[in-house]
Amino acid sequence: MSVRDYELLKEKSAAAGLSANAWLMAQLEINRPVLHREEETWEAIRFMNEAGREINTIARDFNSGYGTAEQLRHAVCLLSAVYERLYALRKKGYLHAA
């Protein structure tokens, strides 16, 4: 941090009536940086699309009266896998930095 940046930080924190640390923490709550994880995001989207197609096929079978318990278990496993994939991506900091 340059001297000018530090002076600006002190001015802004004083104007807000906060310590420099408290002002910075408040700014991080409001303006959390967005992390771009392009490849990981696209992988998750591709996985969701594939799983969604399979789940839709199973749903069509059930709507036609031909669905099986095994298909239903497979659909639940797919939904669980989608959730786990998105949760893992979110834990890495997507959409916002932790």
Protein backbone atom coordinates (compact mmCIF):
# COMPACT_ATOMS: atom_id res chain seq x y z
CA MET A 1 0.00 0.00 0.00
CA SER A 2 1.42 3.33 -0.99
CA VAL A 3 1.54 6.33 1.33
CA ARG A 4 -1.24 7.97 -0.72
CA ASP A 5 -3.40 4.83 -0.48
CA TYR A 6 -2.90 4.77 3.28
CA GLU A 7 -3.84 8.44 3.60
CA LEU A 8 -6.97 7.82 1.53
CA LEU A 9 -7.85 4.85 3.73
CA LYS A 10 -7.48 6.97 6.87
CA GLU A 11 -9.63 9.75 5.37
CA LYS A 12 -12.43 7.41 4.35
CA SER A 13 -12.42 5.49 7.63
CA ALA A 14 -12.45 8.73 9.65
CA ALA A 15 -15.33 10.08 7.55
CA ALA A 16 -17.27 6.89 8.29
CA GLY A 17 -16.40 7.10 11.99
CA LEU A 18 -14.64 3.72 11.91
CA SER A 19 -11.13 2.46 12.44
CA ALA A 20 -9.20 1.67 9.27
CA ASN A 21 -9.61 -2.06 9.91
CA ALA A 22 -13.35 -1.79 10.60
CA TRP A 23 -13.84 0.31 7.45
CA LEU A 24 -11.94 -2.22 5.33
CA MET A 25 -13.97 -5.11 6.76
CA ALA A 26 -17.21 -3.23 6.05
CA GLN A 27 -16.06 -2.61 2.47
CA LEU A 28 -15.25 -6.29 1.99
CA GLU A 29 -18.76 -7.20 3.12
CA ILE A 30 -20.26 -4.81 0.59
CA ASN A 31 -17.78 -5.14 -2.28
CA ARG A 32 -16.48 -8.67 -2.21
CA PRO A 33 -14.25 -9.36 -5.21
CA VAL A 34 -15.65 -11.69 -7.84
CA LEU A 35 -13.39 -14.58 -8.74
CA HIS A 36 -13.62 -15.81 -12.28
CA ARG A 37 -13.25 -19.53 -12.57
CA GLU A 38 -14.15 -19.84 -16.22
CA GLU A 39 -13.07 -23.43 -16.88
CA GLU A 40 -14.42 -24.81 -13.61
CA THR A 41 -17.69 -22.97 -14.15
CA TRP A 42 -18.11 -24.29 -17.68
CA GLU A 43 -17.31 -27.83 -16.52
CA ALA A 44 -20.05 -27.55 -13.88
CA ILE A 45 -22.50 -26.18 -16.46
CA ARG A 46 -21.71 -29.02 -18.88
CA PHE A 47 -22.21 -31.53 -16.08
CA MET A 48 -25.55 -29.95 -15.13
CA ASN A 49 -26.69 -30.05 -18.76
CA GLU A 50 -25.83 -33.74 -19.11
CA ALA A 51 -27.47 -34.62 -15.80
CA GLY A 52 -30.52 -32.51 -16.67
CA ARG A 53 -31.00 -34.36 -19.96
CA GLU A 54 -30.83 -37.71 -18.18
CA ILE A 55 -33.26 -36.55 -15.48
CA ASN A 56 -35.68 -35.26 -18.14
CA THR A 57 -35.56 -38.62 -19.91
CA ILE A 58 -36.38 -40.36 -16.65
CA ALA A 59 -39.21 -37.89 -15.97
CA ARG A 60 -40.68 -38.56 -19.42
CA ASP A 61 -40.60 -42.31 -18.70
CA PHE A 62 -42.42 -41.75 -15.41
CA ASN A 63 -44.99 -39.49 -17.07
CA SER A 64 -45.62 -42.23 -19.62
CA GLY A 65 -46.02 -44.84 -16.90
CA TYR A 66 -42.83 -46.74 -17.71
CA GLY A 67 -40.51 -45.43 -15.01
CA THR A 68 -38.69 -47.83 -12.71
CA ALA A 69 -37.42 -47.55 -9.16
CA GLU A 70 -33.87 -47.90 -10.47
CA GLN A 71 -34.38 -44.90 -12.74
CA LEU A 72 -35.70 -42.90 -9.82
CA ARG A 73 -32.64 -43.81 -7.73
CA HIS A 74 -30.41 -42.78 -10.64
CA ALA A 75 -32.20 -39.41 -10.92
CA VAL A 76 -31.70 -38.76 -7.21
CA CYS A 77 -28.00 -39.67 -7.52
CA LEU A 78 -27.67 -37.26 -10.45
CA LEU A 79 -29.31 -34.47 -8.48
CA SER A 80 -26.98 -35.19 -5.58
CA ALA A 81 -23.96 -35.12 -7.90
CA VAL A 82 -25.05 -31.76 -9.36
CA TYR A 83 -25.43 -30.34 -5.86
CA GLU A 84 -22.01 -31.66 -4.79
CA ARG A 85 -20.33 -30.25 -7.90
CA LEU A 86 -21.86 -26.80 -7.38
CA TYR A 87 -21.15 -26.86 -3.64
CA ALA A 88 -17.48 -27.70 -4.31
CA LEU A 89 -17.27 -24.83 -6.80
CA ARG A 90 -18.89 -22.45 -4.31
CA LYS A 91 -16.45 -23.56 -1.56
CA LYS A 92 -13.55 -22.56 -3.83
CA GLY A 93 -14.83 -19.03 -3.79
CA TYR A 94 -17.17 -18.79 -6.72
CA LEU A 95 -19.02 -16.40 -7.07
CA HIS A 96 -17.39 -14.29 -4.41
CA ALA A 97 -14.12 -14.50 -2.55
CA ALA A 98 -14.45 -15.96 0.93
